[in-house]
Amino acid sequence: MKTLKIIGLFLFLAGFVQVNAQEVTDYDLQNFARSYRFTVLLNNEAQREMQKEIEKEGLTIEKYQLIQESKHPEATLVPDLPEKDFEKFEKLQPKIKEIQADLEKEVLKVYADNDLDKQKYRAIAERVKQDYLLQAKMEKILAGMR
């Protein structure tokens, strides 16, 4: 019985290591790098658009973030801001969510255009984060795209 447990543990660990050691091909890394580059650009554009909407409503980014943090379920403090700021925040939410939804659609299209999906993109991102050689390769790919 003890031998079966040891064999089972060994097989589990071997499978775990195999999944984590999954190779990232040059093709996948190229596609990931292209997707990464475009998603950063799309995200920056969406951030600028959200900032413009926040300022157009008469809030500062700092006030918006304070109110947003206070809406978190674990938040204990409510910022000492006028009620009008909270009303502005609520009025802004549909527009902010629309910008975020548009961003998500665009990002998924970028993934698809580069033969990736969200899950594969995240898996490659995790591997790159953990592997200095992949990081160096990716930096080289990104430098070539400029």
N, C-alpha and C. Protein backbone atom coordinates (compact mmCIF):
# COMPACT_ATOMS: atom_id res chain seq x y z
N MET A 1 0.83 -1.19 0.00
CA MET A 1 0.00 0.00 0.00
C MET A 1 0.87 1.26 0.00
N LYS A 2 1.91 1.25 0.83
CA LYS A 2 2.81 2.39 0.90
C LYS A 2 3.50 2.60 -0.45
N THR A 3 3.84 1.51 -1.13
CA THR A 3 4.48 1.59 -2.44
C THR A 3 3.54 2.24 -3.45
N LEU A 4 2.24 1.91 -3.40
CA LEU A 4 1.27 2.51 -4.32
C LEU A 4 1.17 4.02 -4.10
N LYS A 5 1.20 4.43 -2.83
CA LYS A 5 1.14 5.86 -2.54
C LYS A 5 2.37 6.57 -3.11
N ILE A 6 3.53 5.97 -2.94
CA ILE A 6 4.77 6.56 -3.44
C ILE A 6 4.73 6.64 -4.97
N ILE A 7 4.27 5.57 -5.61
CA ILE A 7 4.17 5.56 -7.07
C ILE A 7 3.17 6.62 -7.53
N GLY A 8 2.04 6.71 -6.85
CA GLY A 8 1.03 7.71 -7.19
C GLY A 8 1.59 9.12 -7.06
N LEU A 9 2.30 9.38 -5.96
CA LEU A 9 2.91 10.69 -5.75
C LEU A 9 3.93 10.99 -6.84
N PHE A 10 4.72 9.99 -7.19
CA PHE A 10 5.72 10.16 -8.24
C PHE A 10 5.06 10.52 -9.57
N LEU A 11 3.99 9.79 -9.92
CA LEU A 11 3.29 10.05 -11.18
C LEU A 11 2.68 11.44 -11.18
N PHE A 12 2.11 11.84 -10.04
CA PHE A 12 1.53 13.17 -9.93
C PHE A 12 2.60 14.23 -10.14
N LEU A 13 3.73 14.09 -9.45
CA LEU A 13 4.81 15.07 -9.58
C LEU A 13 5.39 15.09 -10.99
N ALA A 14 5.50 13.91 -11.59
CA ALA A 14 6.03 13.84 -12.96
C ALA A 14 5.08 14.58 -13.91
N GLY A 15 3.78 14.39 -13.74
CA GLY A 15 2.80 15.10 -14.56
C GLY A 15 2.84 16.59 -14.33
N PHE A 16 2.99 16.99 -13.06
CA PHE A 16 3.05 18.41 -12.71
C PHE A 16 4.27 19.07 -13.34
N VAL A 17 5.41 18.41 -13.24
CA VAL A 17 6.64 18.96 -13.81
C VAL A 17 6.52 19.04 -15.32
N GLN A 18 5.91 18.03 -15.94
CA GLN A 18 5.74 18.02 -17.38
C GLN A 18 4.90 19.21 -17.84
N VAL A 19 3.81 19.49 -17.13
CA VAL A 19 2.95 20.62 -17.50
C VAL A 19 3.73 21.92 -17.35
N ASN A 20 4.47 22.06 -16.26
CA ASN A 20 5.22 23.31 -16.04
C ASN A 20 6.42 23.44 -16.97
N ALA A 21 6.94 22.32 -17.42
CA ALA A 21 8.12 22.35 -18.28
C ALA A 21 7.74 22.40 -19.76
N GLN A 22 6.45 22.62 -20.04
CA GLN A 22 5.99 22.68 -21.41
C GLN A 22 6.82 23.71 -22.17
N GLU A 23 7.30 23.30 -23.31
CA GLU A 23 8.15 24.16 -24.10
C GLU A 23 7.35 25.30 -24.72
N VAL A 24 7.98 26.44 -24.78
CA VAL A 24 7.43 27.57 -25.51
C VAL A 24 8.25 27.66 -26.79
N THR A 25 7.61 27.37 -27.90
CA THR A 25 8.32 27.37 -29.17
C THR A 25 8.64 28.80 -29.59
N ASP A 26 9.56 28.94 -30.53
CA ASP A 26 9.89 30.26 -31.06
C ASP A 26 8.65 30.88 -31.71
N TYR A 27 7.86 30.05 -32.39
CA TYR A 27 6.62 30.50 -33.01
C TYR A 27 5.68 31.09 -31.96
N ASP A 28 5.49 30.34 -30.87
CA ASP A 28 4.61 30.81 -29.79
C ASP A 28 5.15 32.09 -29.17
N LEU A 29 6.46 32.15 -28.96
CA LEU A 29 7.06 33.33 -28.35
C LEU A 29 6.93 34.56 -29.26
N GLN A 30 7.10 34.35 -30.56
CA GLN A 30 6.90 35.45 -31.52
C GLN A 30 5.46 35.96 -31.45
N ASN A 31 4.51 35.03 -31.46
CA ASN A 31 3.10 35.41 -31.39
C ASN A 31 2.77 36.09 -30.07
N PHE A 32 3.34 35.56 -28.99
CA PHE A 32 3.12 36.15 -27.67
C PHE A 32 3.68 37.58 -27.64
N ALA A 33 4.89 37.76 -28.15
CA ALA A 33 5.53 39.07 -28.13
C ALA A 33 4.71 40.09 -28.94
N ARG A 34 4.23 39.67 -30.11
CA ARG A 34 3.39 40.56 -30.92
C ARG A 34 2.12 40.92 -30.16
N SER A 35 1.49 39.91 -29.57
CA SER A 35 0.25 40.13 -28.81
C SER A 35 0.53 41.04 -27.62
N TYR A 36 1.61 40.78 -26.92
CA TYR A 36 1.98 41.60 -25.76
C TYR A 36 2.13 43.06 -26.17
N ARG A 37 2.87 43.28 -27.24
CA ARG A 37 3.12 44.65 -27.71
C ARG A 37 1.81 45.37 -28.04
N PHE A 38 0.93 44.68 -28.76
CA PHE A 38 -0.34 45.32 -29.14
C PHE A 38 -1.27 45.50 -27.95
N THR A 39 -1.25 44.54 -27.02
CA THR A 39 -2.14 44.69 -25.86
C THR A 39 -1.68 45.85 -24.97
N VAL A 40 -0.39 46.07 -24.87
CA VAL A 40 0.12 47.21 -24.11
C VAL A 40 -0.35 48.51 -24.76
N LEU A 41 -0.26 48.57 -26.08
CA LEU A 41 -0.72 49.77 -26.79
C LEU A 41 -2.22 49.98 -26.61
N LEU A 42 -2.99 48.90 -26.74
CA LEU A 42 -4.45 48.99 -26.56
C LEU A 42 -4.80 49.40 -25.13
N ASN A 43 -4.08 48.84 -24.17
CA ASN A 43 -4.34 49.17 -22.77
C ASN A 43 -4.02 50.63 -22.48
N ASN A 44 -2.91 51.12 -23.01
CA ASN A 44 -2.56 52.53 -22.82
C ASN A 44 -3.62 53.44 -23.42
N GLU A 45 -4.10 53.08 -24.60
CA GLU A 45 -5.15 53.87 -25.25
C GLU A 45 -6.43 53.87 -24.41
N ALA A 46 -6.81 52.71 -23.89
CA ALA A 46 -8.01 52.61 -23.06
C ALA A 46 -7.84 53.41 -21.77
N GLN A 47 -6.64 53.38 -21.18
CA GLN A 47 -6.37 54.15 -19.97
C GLN A 47 -6.54 55.66 -20.24
N ARG A 48 -6.01 56.10 -21.37
CA ARG A 48 -6.16 57.52 -21.73
C ARG A 48 -7.63 57.89 -21.92
N GLU A 49 -8.37 57.01 -22.57
CA GLU A 49 -9.79 57.25 -22.80
C GLU A 49 -10.56 57.31 -21.48
N MET A 50 -10.26 56.39 -20.57
CA MET A 50 -10.93 56.40 -19.26
C MET A 50 -10.56 57.66 -18.48
N GLN A 51 -9.29 58.05 -18.53
CA GLN A 51 -8.84 59.26 -17.83
C GLN A 51 -9.58 60.47 -18.37
N LYS A 52 -9.72 60.54 -19.69
CA LYS A 52 -10.42 61.66 -20.30
C LYS A 52 -11.89 61.71 -19.83
N GLU A 53 -12.54 60.55 -19.76
CA GLU A 53 -13.93 60.49 -19.30
C GLU A 53 -14.06 60.90 -17.83
N ILE A 54 -13.11 60.45 -17.02
CA ILE A 54 -13.12 60.79 -15.59
C ILE A 54 -12.97 62.30 -15.41
N GLU A 55 -12.01 62.88 -16.12
CA GLU A 55 -11.78 64.32 -16.01
C GLU A 55 -12.94 65.11 -16.59
N LYS A 56 -13.55 64.60 -17.67
CA LYS A 56 -14.70 65.27 -18.28
C LYS A 56 -15.86 65.33 -17.29
N GLU A 57 -15.97 64.32 -16.43
CA GLU A 57 -17.03 64.27 -15.43
C GLU A 57 -16.73 65.18 -14.23
N GLY A 58 -15.49 65.69 -14.17
CA GLY A 58 -15.15 66.62 -13.09
C GLY A 58 -14.49 65.96 -11.90
N LEU A 59 -13.98 64.75 -12.08
CA LEU A 59 -13.24 64.06 -11.01
C LEU A 59 -11.76 64.02 -11.36
N THR A 60 -10.94 63.89 -10.35
CA THR A 60 -9.52 63.62 -10.58
C THR A 60 -9.34 62.11 -10.56
N ILE A 61 -8.24 61.67 -11.11
CA ILE A 61 -7.93 60.23 -11.09
C ILE A 61 -7.82 59.75 -9.63
N GLU A 62 -7.21 60.57 -8.78
CA GLU A 62 -7.03 60.19 -7.38
C GLU A 62 -8.38 60.00 -6.68
N LYS A 63 -9.32 60.94 -6.90
CA LYS A 63 -10.64 60.81 -6.28
C LYS A 63 -11.36 59.57 -6.82
N TYR A 64 -11.26 59.37 -8.12
CA TYR A 64 -11.91 58.21 -8.74
C TYR A 64 -11.38 56.91 -8.11
N GLN A 65 -10.06 56.82 -7.98
CA GLN A 65 -9.45 55.62 -7.41
C GLN A 65 -9.84 55.43 -5.94
N LEU A 66 -9.89 56.51 -5.18
CA LEU A 66 -10.31 56.42 -3.77
C LEU A 66 -11.73 55.88 -3.66
N ILE A 67 -12.62 56.39 -4.48
CA ILE A 67 -14.00 55.92 -4.44
C ILE A 67 -14.07 54.47 -4.89
N GLN A 68 -13.34 54.14 -5.95
CA GLN A 68 -13.33 52.76 -6.45
C GLN A 68 -12.83 51.79 -5.38
N GLU A 69 -11.76 52.16 -4.68
CA GLU A 69 -11.23 51.31 -3.61
C GLU A 69 -12.23 51.16 -2.48
N SER A 70 -12.99 52.20 -2.20
CA SER A 70 -13.98 52.12 -1.11
C SER A 70 -15.14 51.20 -1.46
N LYS A 71 -15.33 50.93 -2.74
CA LYS A 71 -16.41 50.04 -3.20
C LYS A 71 -16.02 48.57 -3.07
N HIS A 72 -14.76 48.31 -2.85
CA HIS A 72 -14.27 46.93 -2.70
C HIS A 72 -14.91 46.31 -1.46
N PRO A 73 -15.36 45.05 -1.54
CA PRO A 73 -16.05 44.41 -0.40
C PRO A 73 -15.26 44.42 0.91
N GLU A 74 -13.95 44.40 0.81
CA GLU A 74 -13.12 44.35 2.02
C GLU A 74 -12.73 45.74 2.53
N ALA A 75 -13.16 46.76 1.83
CA ALA A 75 -12.81 48.13 2.23
C ALA A 75 -13.51 48.51 3.52
N THR A 76 -12.78 49.19 4.38
CA THR A 76 -13.36 49.61 5.66
C THR A 76 -13.51 51.12 5.75
N LEU A 77 -12.77 51.84 4.92
CA LEU A 77 -12.82 53.30 4.96
C LEU A 77 -13.56 53.86 3.75
N VAL A 78 -14.36 54.86 4.00
CA VAL A 78 -15.02 55.59 2.93
C VAL A 78 -14.33 56.94 2.85
N PRO A 79 -13.88 57.33 1.67
CA PRO A 79 -13.16 58.60 1.57
C PRO A 79 -14.05 59.78 1.96
N ASP A 80 -13.43 60.76 2.55
CA ASP A 80 -14.14 61.96 2.99
C ASP A 80 -14.26 62.90 1.79
N LEU A 81 -15.21 62.57 0.91
CA LEU A 81 -15.43 63.36 -0.29
C LEU A 81 -16.90 63.77 -0.36
N PRO A 82 -17.18 64.83 -1.07
CA PRO A 82 -18.59 65.26 -1.20
C PRO A 82 -19.43 64.19 -1.89
N GLU A 83 -20.70 64.15 -1.55
CA GLU A 83 -21.62 63.17 -2.15
C GLU A 83 -21.66 63.31 -3.67
N LYS A 84 -21.48 64.54 -4.16
CA LYS A 84 -21.48 64.77 -5.61
C LYS A 84 -20.40 63.94 -6.32
N ASP A 85 -19.25 63.78 -5.67
CA ASP A 85 -18.18 62.98 -6.27
C ASP A 85 -18.59 61.52 -6.41
N PHE A 86 -19.30 61.01 -5.42
CA PHE A 86 -19.80 59.63 -5.48
C PHE A 86 -20.83 59.49 -6.60
N GLU A 87 -21.66 60.52 -6.77
CA GLU A 87 -22.66 60.52 -7.84
C GLU A 87 -21.97 60.55 -9.21
N LYS A 88 -20.94 61.36 -9.33
CA LYS A 88 -20.18 61.43 -10.58
C LYS A 88 -19.55 60.06 -10.89
N PHE A 89 -19.01 59.43 -9.83
CA PHE A 89 -18.41 58.12 -9.98
C PHE A 89 -19.44 57.13 -10.54
N GLU A 90 -20.62 57.10 -9.95
CA GLU A 90 -21.67 56.17 -10.39
C GLU A 90 -22.12 56.47 -11.82
N LYS A 91 -22.19 57.75 -12.15
CA LYS A 91 -22.58 58.14 -13.50
C LYS A 91 -21.54 57.68 -14.53
N LEU A 92 -20.29 57.66 -14.12
CA LEU A 92 -19.19 57.27 -15.00
C LEU A 92 -19.12 55.76 -15.27
N GLN A 93 -19.57 54.97 -14.32
CA GLN A 93 -19.36 53.52 -14.38
C GLN A 93 -19.79 52.88 -15.69
N PRO A 94 -20.97 53.17 -16.25
CA PRO A 94 -21.33 52.52 -17.51
C PRO A 94 -20.33 52.82 -18.64
N LYS A 95 -19.84 54.05 -18.70
CA LYS A 95 -18.87 54.42 -19.74
C LYS A 95 -17.55 53.70 -19.53
N ILE A 96 -17.10 53.63 -18.28
CA ILE A 96 -15.84 52.93 -17.97
C ILE A 96 -15.97 51.45 -18.32
N LYS A 97 -17.09 50.86 -17.95
CA LYS A 97 -17.31 49.43 -18.26
C LYS A 97 -17.37 49.19 -19.76
N GLU A 98 -17.93 50.13 -20.49
CA GLU A 98 -17.98 50.02 -21.95
C GLU A 98 -16.57 50.05 -22.55
N ILE A 99 -15.75 50.96 -22.05
CA ILE A 99 -14.36 51.06 -22.52
C ILE A 99 -13.62 49.76 -22.20
N GLN A 100 -13.83 49.23 -21.00
CA GLN A 100 -13.17 47.99 -20.61
C GLN A 100 -13.64 46.81 -21.45
N ALA A 101 -14.93 46.76 -21.75
CA ALA A 101 -15.47 45.67 -22.58
C ALA A 101 -14.91 45.76 -24.00
N ASP A 102 -14.82 46.97 -24.53
CA ASP A 102 -14.23 47.16 -25.87
C ASP A 102 -12.77 46.73 -25.87
N LEU A 103 -12.06 47.08 -24.81
CA LEU A 103 -10.65 46.68 -24.68
C LEU A 103 -10.54 45.16 -24.68
N GLU A 104 -11.38 44.50 -23.91
CA GLU A 104 -11.34 43.03 -23.83
C GLU A 104 -11.58 42.41 -25.21
N LYS A 105 -12.55 42.94 -25.96
CA LYS A 105 -12.82 42.42 -27.32
C LYS A 105 -11.61 42.60 -28.22
N GLU A 106 -11.01 43.78 -28.16
CA GLU A 106 -9.85 44.07 -29.00
C GLU A 106 -8.66 43.17 -28.64
N VAL A 107 -8.46 42.96 -27.35
CA VAL A 107 -7.35 42.11 -26.90
C VAL A 107 -7.57 40.67 -27.37
N LEU A 108 -8.78 40.16 -27.22
CA LEU A 108 -9.07 38.80 -27.68
C LEU A 108 -8.86 38.67 -29.19
N LYS A 109 -9.18 39.73 -29.93
CA LYS A 109 -8.95 39.71 -31.38
C LYS A 109 -7.44 39.68 -31.67
N VAL A 110 -6.67 40.44 -30.92
CA VAL A 110 -5.21 40.43 -31.09
C VAL A 110 -4.67 39.02 -30.83
N TYR A 111 -5.15 38.39 -29.75
CA TYR A 111 -4.72 37.02 -29.46
C TYR A 111 -5.04 36.10 -30.65
N ALA A 112 -6.28 36.17 -31.11
CA ALA A 112 -6.71 35.31 -32.22
C ALA A 112 -5.89 35.57 -33.48
N ASP A 113 -5.61 36.84 -33.75
CA ASP A 113 -4.81 37.20 -34.93
C ASP A 113 -3.40 36.63 -34.84
N ASN A 114 -2.96 36.33 -33.63
CA ASN A 114 -1.60 35.80 -33.41
C ASN A 114 -1.63 34.34 -32.97
N ASP A 115 -2.68 33.64 -33.35
CA ASP A 115 -2.79 32.20 -33.10
C ASP A 115 -2.70 31.84 -31.62
N LEU A 116 -3.33 32.69 -30.79
CA LEU A 116 -3.36 32.46 -29.35
C LEU A 116 -4.79 32.61 -28.86
N ASP A 117 -5.03 32.10 -27.66
CA ASP A 117 -6.26 32.41 -26.95
C ASP A 117 -5.84 32.89 -25.57
N LYS A 118 -6.81 33.29 -24.76
CA LYS A 118 -6.50 33.87 -23.46
C LYS A 118 -5.69 32.90 -22.59
N GLN A 119 -6.10 31.64 -22.60
CA GLN A 119 -5.44 30.63 -21.76
C GLN A 119 -4.00 30.41 -22.21
N LYS A 120 -3.79 30.29 -23.51
CA LYS A 120 -2.43 30.05 -24.02
C LYS A 120 -1.55 31.28 -23.76
N TYR A 121 -2.12 32.47 -23.93
CA TYR A 121 -1.37 33.71 -23.67
C TYR A 121 -0.90 33.74 -22.23
N ARG A 122 -1.82 33.43 -21.30
CA ARG A 122 -1.46 33.44 -19.88
C ARG A 122 -0.42 32.38 -19.55
N ALA A 123 -0.55 31.20 -20.16
CA ALA A 123 0.42 30.13 -19.90
C ALA A 123 1.81 30.55 -20.37
N ILE A 124 1.90 31.16 -21.54
CA ILE A 124 3.19 31.62 -22.04
C ILE A 124 3.72 32.74 -21.16
N ALA A 125 2.84 33.64 -20.73
CA ALA A 125 3.27 34.74 -19.85
C ALA A 125 3.88 34.19 -18.57
N GLU A 126 3.28 33.17 -18.00
CA GLU A 126 3.81 32.55 -16.79
C GLU A 126 5.19 31.94 -17.03
N ARG A 127 5.32 31.25 -18.17
CA ARG A 127 6.62 30.64 -18.49
C ARG A 127 7.69 31.72 -18.68
N VAL A 128 7.34 32.78 -19.38
CA VAL A 128 8.30 33.86 -19.63
C VAL A 128 8.71 34.51 -18.31
N LYS A 129 7.73 34.68 -17.43
CA LYS A 129 8.01 35.30 -16.13
C LYS A 129 9.02 34.47 -15.32
N GLN A 130 8.98 33.15 -15.49
CA GLN A 130 9.82 32.26 -14.70
C GLN A 130 11.15 31.91 -15.35
N ASP A 131 11.30 32.20 -16.63
CA ASP A 131 12.46 31.72 -17.39
C ASP A 131 13.25 32.89 -17.96
N TYR A 132 14.46 33.08 -17.43
CA TYR A 132 15.29 34.21 -17.86
C TYR A 132 15.69 34.11 -19.33
N LEU A 133 15.88 32.90 -19.83
CA LEU A 133 16.24 32.74 -21.24
C LEU A 133 15.09 33.18 -22.14
N LEU A 134 13.87 32.80 -21.77
CA LEU A 134 12.70 33.23 -22.55
C LEU A 134 12.54 34.75 -22.46
N GLN A 135 12.83 35.33 -21.29
CA GLN A 135 12.76 36.78 -21.14
C GLN A 135 13.74 37.47 -22.10
N ALA A 136 14.94 36.93 -22.16
CA ALA A 136 15.96 37.51 -23.04
C ALA A 136 15.54 37.39 -24.51
N LYS A 137 15.00 36.21 -24.88
CA LYS A 137 14.53 36.02 -26.25
C LYS A 137 13.41 37.01 -26.57
N MET A 138 12.50 37.17 -25.62
CA MET A 138 11.38 38.05 -25.85
C MET A 138 11.84 39.50 -25.99
N GLU A 139 12.77 39.92 -25.15
CA GLU A 139 13.30 41.29 -25.25
C GLU A 139 13.92 41.52 -26.63
N LYS A 140 14.61 40.51 -27.13
CA LYS A 140 15.22 40.61 -28.44
C LYS A 140 14.14 40.72 -29.54
N ILE A 141 13.09 39.93 -29.39
CA ILE A 141 11.98 39.99 -30.37
C ILE A 141 11.34 41.36 -30.32
N LEU A 142 11.05 41.85 -29.11
CA LEU A 142 10.40 43.16 -28.96
C LEU A 142 11.28 44.29 -29.51
N ALA A 143 12.59 44.18 -29.28
CA ALA A 143 13.51 45.20 -29.78
C ALA A 143 13.49 45.22 -31.31
N GLY A 144 13.33 44.06 -31.92
CA GLY A 144 13.27 43.98 -33.38
C GLY A 144 11.97 44.54 -33.96
N MET A 145 10.96 44.69 -33.13
CA MET A 145 9.66 45.20 -33.60
C MET A 145 9.61 46.72 -33.61
N ARG A 146 10.55 47.37 -32.99
CA ARG A 146 10.51 48.84 -32.87
C ARG A 146 10.86 49.52 -34.15
